Amino acid sequence: MNWYPGHIEKAKRRIRELLKMVNTVLEVRDARAPFATSAYGMDFSKKGTIVVLNKVDIADKKITKEWVEYFKKQGKRVITTYKDEPRQVFLRKLHLGRLARVLVVGVPNTGKSTIINKLKGKRASSVGAQPGVTRGIQWFSLENGVKMLDTPGILYKNIFSKDLAAKLLLVGSLPVERIDDHEVFEKAFEIFKRYQGVEDDFTTFFENFAKRRGLLKKGGVPDLDRAIRVFFTEISQGKVGRLSFERPDEVNPEE
């Protein structure tokens, strides 16, 4: 499946370089699918790592609690956040040590940029080039001597399963317009059905959705292609309610 553009491989190489300069990694994951949105194809275990479950305001509360417990049992530091959480509240949760050197990573659309901007705050100052540091890398100075790297566009590994692709579609990490395999849409719908308790089959659901939303072709025929794209875009944006798309007991890290 060709979801692995060359610039992502380039970003991977860049991240490996940057990891040498930091002691703390914030792994930003979408709280609706924390396992699927950890698809970096990279190992950050040698750094102090904090799992940041973002977008908890549009995820299922009960399932988010299950994920927090799951990560804690694995011995990982985990915090939850959302776009409008006040900066100081977020910083207290992070509890970054003095002189921390921080790198923020995350697959597309997990809210990595929002987290970076929140960390920077309004007063963050660029500290420019550091001795012995690769040119072109931008450090920002935060409170307590903490410095953060402004990261390159981040990466996900080559998508090896349609189930993973479906979950990344549901949270918007794979844009709707880049999906050309109808089976991915069908799998994403099955996941949505399972968590939302929908009984309609794929075609019936999208025919009804198209009619309700006026997504029609000539003669009043439901425009299924348009309906599918509008629906999954709205799902990824959290417009269909608080939903999660995987639970800890469903994932197999070995895969």
Protein backbone atom coordinates (compact mmCIF):
# COMPACT_ATOMS: atom_id res chain seq x y z
CA MET A 1 0.00 0.00 0.00
CA ASN A 2 1.56 3.23 -1.12
CA TRP A 3 1.02 5.41 1.95
CA TYR A 4 4.68 5.99 2.60
CA PRO A 5 5.88 9.06 0.71
CA GLY A 6 9.61 9.72 0.45
CA HIS A 7 9.52 12.81 2.67
CA ILE A 8 8.49 10.58 5.59
CA GLU A 9 11.61 8.46 5.21
CA LYS A 10 13.62 11.68 5.14
CA ALA A 11 11.85 12.80 8.34
CA LYS A 12 12.77 9.49 9.95
CA ARG A 13 16.45 10.10 9.32
CA ARG A 14 16.07 13.62 10.72
CA ILE A 15 14.37 12.34 13.89
CA ARG A 16 17.22 9.86 14.46
CA GLU A 17 19.68 12.78 14.33
CA LEU A 18 17.57 14.87 16.70
CA LEU A 19 17.19 12.06 19.22
CA LYS A 20 20.91 12.33 19.98
CA MET A 21 20.36 15.88 21.23
CA VAL A 22 17.42 15.34 23.61
CA ASN A 23 16.71 13.47 26.83
CA THR A 24 12.91 13.60 26.72
CA VAL A 25 10.45 12.52 24.01
CA LEU A 26 6.76 13.45 24.02
CA GLU A 27 4.88 10.83 22.01
CA VAL A 28 1.65 12.50 20.92
CA ARG A 29 -1.05 9.93 20.17
CA ASP A 30 -4.74 10.31 19.33
CA ALA A 31 -6.70 9.15 22.39
CA ARG A 32 -9.26 7.54 20.06
CA ALA A 33 -6.69 5.09 18.68
CA PRO A 34 -3.50 5.20 20.80
CA PHE A 35 -2.03 2.00 19.40
CA ALA A 36 -2.67 2.78 15.73
CA THR A 37 -1.25 6.30 16.14
CA SER A 38 2.01 4.96 17.54
CA ALA A 39 3.00 3.76 14.07
CA TYR A 40 6.37 5.49 13.93
CA GLY A 41 8.49 2.47 13.12
CA MET A 42 11.00 3.87 15.63
CA ASP A 43 12.21 3.07 19.13
CA PHE A 44 12.29 5.86 21.71
CA SER A 45 12.83 3.59 24.74
CA LYS A 46 16.33 4.91 25.47
CA LYS A 47 14.93 8.36 26.17
CA GLY A 48 12.66 9.56 28.95
CA THR A 49 9.35 9.12 27.13
CA ILE A 50 5.94 10.57 28.01
CA VAL A 51 2.90 9.24 26.14
CA VAL A 52 0.54 12.18 25.51
CA LEU A 53 -3.01 11.04 24.77
CA ASN A 54 -4.39 14.02 22.89
CA LYS A 55 -7.97 14.87 21.84
CA VAL A 56 -9.51 13.25 24.93
CA ASP A 57 -12.42 15.69 24.58
CA ILE A 58 -13.63 13.78 21.49
CA ALA A 59 -12.71 10.27 22.71
CA ASP A 60 -14.82 7.87 24.77
CA LYS A 61 -14.09 8.65 28.45
CA LYS A 62 -14.29 5.05 29.68
CA ILE A 63 -12.02 3.70 26.94
CA THR A 64 -9.50 6.51 27.51
CA LYS A 65 -9.27 5.43 31.18
CA GLU A 66 -8.57 1.87 29.99
CA TRP A 67 -5.70 3.16 27.86
CA VAL A 68 -4.22 5.20 30.71
CA GLU A 69 -4.20 2.07 32.88
CA TYR A 70 -2.73 0.02 30.04
CA PHE A 71 0.24 2.36 29.63
CA LYS A 72 0.78 2.65 33.38
CA LYS A 73 0.92 -1.14 33.67
CA GLN A 74 3.61 -1.09 30.97
CA GLY A 75 5.61 1.26 33.18
CA LYS A 76 5.16 4.24 30.85
CA ARG A 77 4.47 7.81 31.87
CA VAL A 78 1.14 8.85 30.36
CA ILE A 79 -0.90 12.06 30.46
CA THR A 80 -4.11 13.18 28.75
CA THR A 81 -4.82 16.53 27.13
CA TYR A 82 -6.95 18.35 24.58
CA LYS A 83 -6.67 21.39 22.35
CA ASP A 84 -8.13 23.98 24.74
CA GLU A 85 -6.50 22.76 27.94
CA PRO A 86 -4.72 25.73 29.59
CA ARG A 87 -0.96 25.76 29.07
CA GLN A 88 -0.07 25.85 32.77
CA VAL A 89 -2.31 22.85 33.50
CA PHE A 90 -0.59 20.94 30.69
CA LEU A 91 2.89 21.89 31.93
CA ARG A 92 2.04 20.74 35.47
CA LYS A 93 0.98 17.36 34.10
CA LEU A 94 4.18 17.04 32.06
CA HIS A 95 6.36 17.96 35.05
CA LEU A 96 9.45 18.38 32.90
CA GLY A 97 12.68 18.35 34.87
CA ARG A 98 15.06 21.30 34.88
CA LEU A 99 17.25 21.46 31.79
CA ALA A 100 15.07 18.93 29.93
CA ARG A 101 15.75 18.76 26.20
CA VAL A 102 12.47 17.86 24.56
CA LEU A 103 11.48 16.39 21.19
CA VAL A 104 7.80 16.07 20.25
CA VAL A 105 6.82 13.26 17.87
CA GLY A 106 3.53 12.05 16.44
CA VAL A 107 1.91 10.75 13.29
CA PRO A 108 -0.05 13.23 11.15
CA ASN A 109 -3.17 14.81 12.69
CA THR A 110 -2.55 13.73 16.28
CA GLY A 111 -2.24 17.40 17.23
CA LYS A 112 1.56 17.51 17.45
CA SER A 113 1.68 21.12 16.17
CA THR A 114 -0.91 22.21 18.75
CA ILE A 115 1.15 20.62 21.53
CA ILE A 116 4.32 22.31 20.27
CA ASN A 117 2.61 25.71 20.10
CA LYS A 118 1.15 25.20 23.59
CA LEU A 119 4.60 24.37 24.95
CA LYS A 120 6.14 27.40 23.27
CA GLY A 121 3.52 29.72 24.67
CA LYS A 122 3.44 33.39 23.76
CA ARG A 123 6.78 34.23 25.35
CA ALA A 124 8.91 31.36 24.08
CA SER A 125 12.16 32.62 22.65
CA SER A 126 14.23 31.02 19.95
CA VAL A 127 17.72 30.29 21.22
CA GLY A 128 19.16 29.75 17.77
CA ALA A 129 22.22 27.68 16.97
CA GLN A 130 23.90 25.76 19.77
CA PRO A 131 27.59 24.85 19.76
CA GLY A 132 28.11 21.50 18.10
CA VAL A 133 24.52 21.25 16.94
CA THR A 134 23.49 20.60 13.35
CA ARG A 135 22.77 23.81 11.47
CA GLY A 136 19.16 24.62 10.71
CA ILE A 137 17.76 23.09 13.89
CA GLN A 138 15.56 25.47 15.88
CA TRP A 139 15.59 25.30 19.70
CA PHE A 140 13.03 27.13 21.82
CA SER A 141 13.63 28.12 25.42
CA LEU A 142 10.84 27.39 27.92
CA GLU A 143 10.61 27.74 31.72
CA ASN A 144 13.14 26.18 34.13
CA GLY A 145 15.88 25.93 31.56
CA VAL A 146 13.81 23.55 29.43
CA LYS A 147 14.58 23.64 25.72
CA MET A 148 12.46 22.18 22.95
CA LEU A 149 13.25 21.30 19.37
CA ASP A 150 10.86 22.40 16.67
CA THR A 151 10.54 19.08 14.85
CA PRO A 152 10.27 18.18 11.18
CA GLY A 153 7.06 16.76 9.80
CA ILE A 154 6.64 13.41 11.45
CA LEU A 155 6.30 9.95 10.13
CA TYR A 156 4.39 6.74 10.16
CA LYS A 157 5.74 3.44 8.96
CA ASN A 158 4.64 1.78 5.74
CA ILE A 159 1.02 0.79 6.34
CA PHE A 160 1.09 -2.99 6.34
CA SER A 161 -2.54 -3.74 7.25
CA LYS A 162 -5.93 -2.49 6.12
CA ASP A 163 -7.14 -2.59 9.72
CA LEU A 164 -4.39 -0.13 10.75
CA ALA A 165 -5.12 2.00 7.67
CA ALA A 166 -8.81 2.06 8.63
CA LYS A 167 -8.06 3.33 12.14
CA LEU A 168 -5.69 6.00 10.81
CA LEU A 169 -8.46 7.05 8.41
CA LEU A 170 -10.95 7.33 11.30
CA VAL A 171 -8.70 9.72 13.22
CA GLY A 172 -7.60 11.67 10.13
CA SER A 173 -3.96 10.53 10.07
CA LEU A 174 -4.58 9.16 6.58
CA PRO A 175 -6.48 11.78 4.58
CA VAL A 176 -9.69 10.58 2.94
CA GLU A 177 -8.54 11.79 -0.48
CA ARG A 178 -5.50 9.50 -0.36
CA ILE A 179 -7.51 6.31 0.15
CA ASP A 180 -8.13 4.49 -3.11
CA ASP A 181 -8.87 1.05 -1.63
CA HIS A 182 -12.60 0.68 -0.97
CA GLU A 183 -11.93 -2.12 1.51
CA VAL A 184 -10.26 0.40 3.86
CA PHE A 185 -13.50 2.41 3.97
CA GLU A 186 -15.46 -0.79 4.65
CA LYS A 187 -13.13 -1.78 7.49
CA ALA A 188 -13.33 1.72 8.97
CA PHE A 189 -17.13 1.53 8.84
CA GLU A 190 -17.09 -1.87 10.60
CA ILE A 191 -14.98 -0.38 13.40
CA PHE A 192 -17.37 2.59 13.67
CA LYS A 193 -20.36 0.19 13.72
CA ARG A 194 -18.84 -1.91 16.49
CA TYR A 195 -18.26 1.07 18.76
CA GLN A 196 -21.41 2.99 17.90
CA GLY A 197 -23.86 0.07 17.78
CA VAL A 198 -25.03 0.82 14.21
CA GLU A 199 -27.04 -1.98 12.57
CA ASP A 200 -27.19 -0.84 8.91
CA ASP A 201 -24.89 -2.39 6.35
CA PHE A 202 -22.34 -0.22 4.53
CA THR A 203 -24.42 0.65 1.47
CA THR A 204 -27.67 1.29 3.37
CA PHE A 205 -25.93 3.52 5.90
CA PHE A 206 -24.27 5.71 3.28
CA GLU A 207 -27.35 5.88 1.06
CA ASN A 208 -29.32 7.19 4.05
CA PHE A 209 -26.50 9.55 5.04
CA ALA A 210 -26.36 10.95 1.48
CA LYS A 211 -30.12 11.52 1.46
CA ARG A 212 -30.10 13.24 4.84
CA ARG A 213 -27.29 15.54 3.81
CA GLY A 214 -28.50 16.24 0.28
CA LEU A 215 -25.47 14.55 -1.29
CA LEU A 216 -27.25 13.52 -4.48
CA LYS A 217 -26.46 13.01 -8.13
CA LYS A 218 -28.82 13.82 -11.01
CA GLY A 219 -32.22 12.24 -10.55
CA GLY A 220 -31.89 12.25 -6.77
CA VAL A 221 -29.53 9.25 -6.69
CA PRO A 222 -27.40 9.15 -3.50
CA ASP A 223 -23.79 10.10 -4.21
CA LEU A 224 -22.13 7.33 -2.19
CA ASP A 225 -18.56 8.37 -2.95
CA ARG A 226 -19.16 11.90 -1.70
CA ALA A 227 -21.13 10.65 1.31
CA ILE A 228 -18.27 8.35 2.33
CA ARG A 229 -15.71 11.13 2.11
CA VAL A 230 -17.84 13.67 3.99
CA PHE A 231 -18.68 11.15 6.72
CA PHE A 232 -15.12 10.03 7.42
CA THR A 233 -13.84 13.61 7.34
CA GLU A 234 -16.43 14.59 9.97
CA ILE A 235 -15.66 11.51 12.07
CA SER A 236 -11.96 12.37 12.11
CA GLN A 237 -12.82 15.92 13.24
CA GLY A 238 -14.90 14.64 16.17
CA LYS A 239 -18.18 15.95 14.75
CA VAL A 240 -20.04 12.65 15.26
CA GLY A 241 -19.67 12.58 19.05
CA ARG A 242 -17.18 11.14 21.53
CA LEU A 243 -15.88 7.96 19.94
CA SER A 244 -12.88 5.69 20.33
CA PHE A 245 -11.83 3.10 17.76
CA GLU A 246 -9.75 0.57 19.69
CA ARG A 247 -9.36 -0.82 23.20
CA PRO A 248 -6.21 -2.12 24.88
CA ASP A 249 -7.49 -5.70 24.96
CA GLU A 250 -7.94 -5.71 21.17
CA VAL A 251 -4.40 -4.83 20.15
CA ASN A 252 -1.47 -7.15 19.72
CA PRO A 253 1.87 -5.33 20.05
CA GLU A 254 3.61 -8.31 18.45
CA GLU A 255 1.89 -7.43 15.16
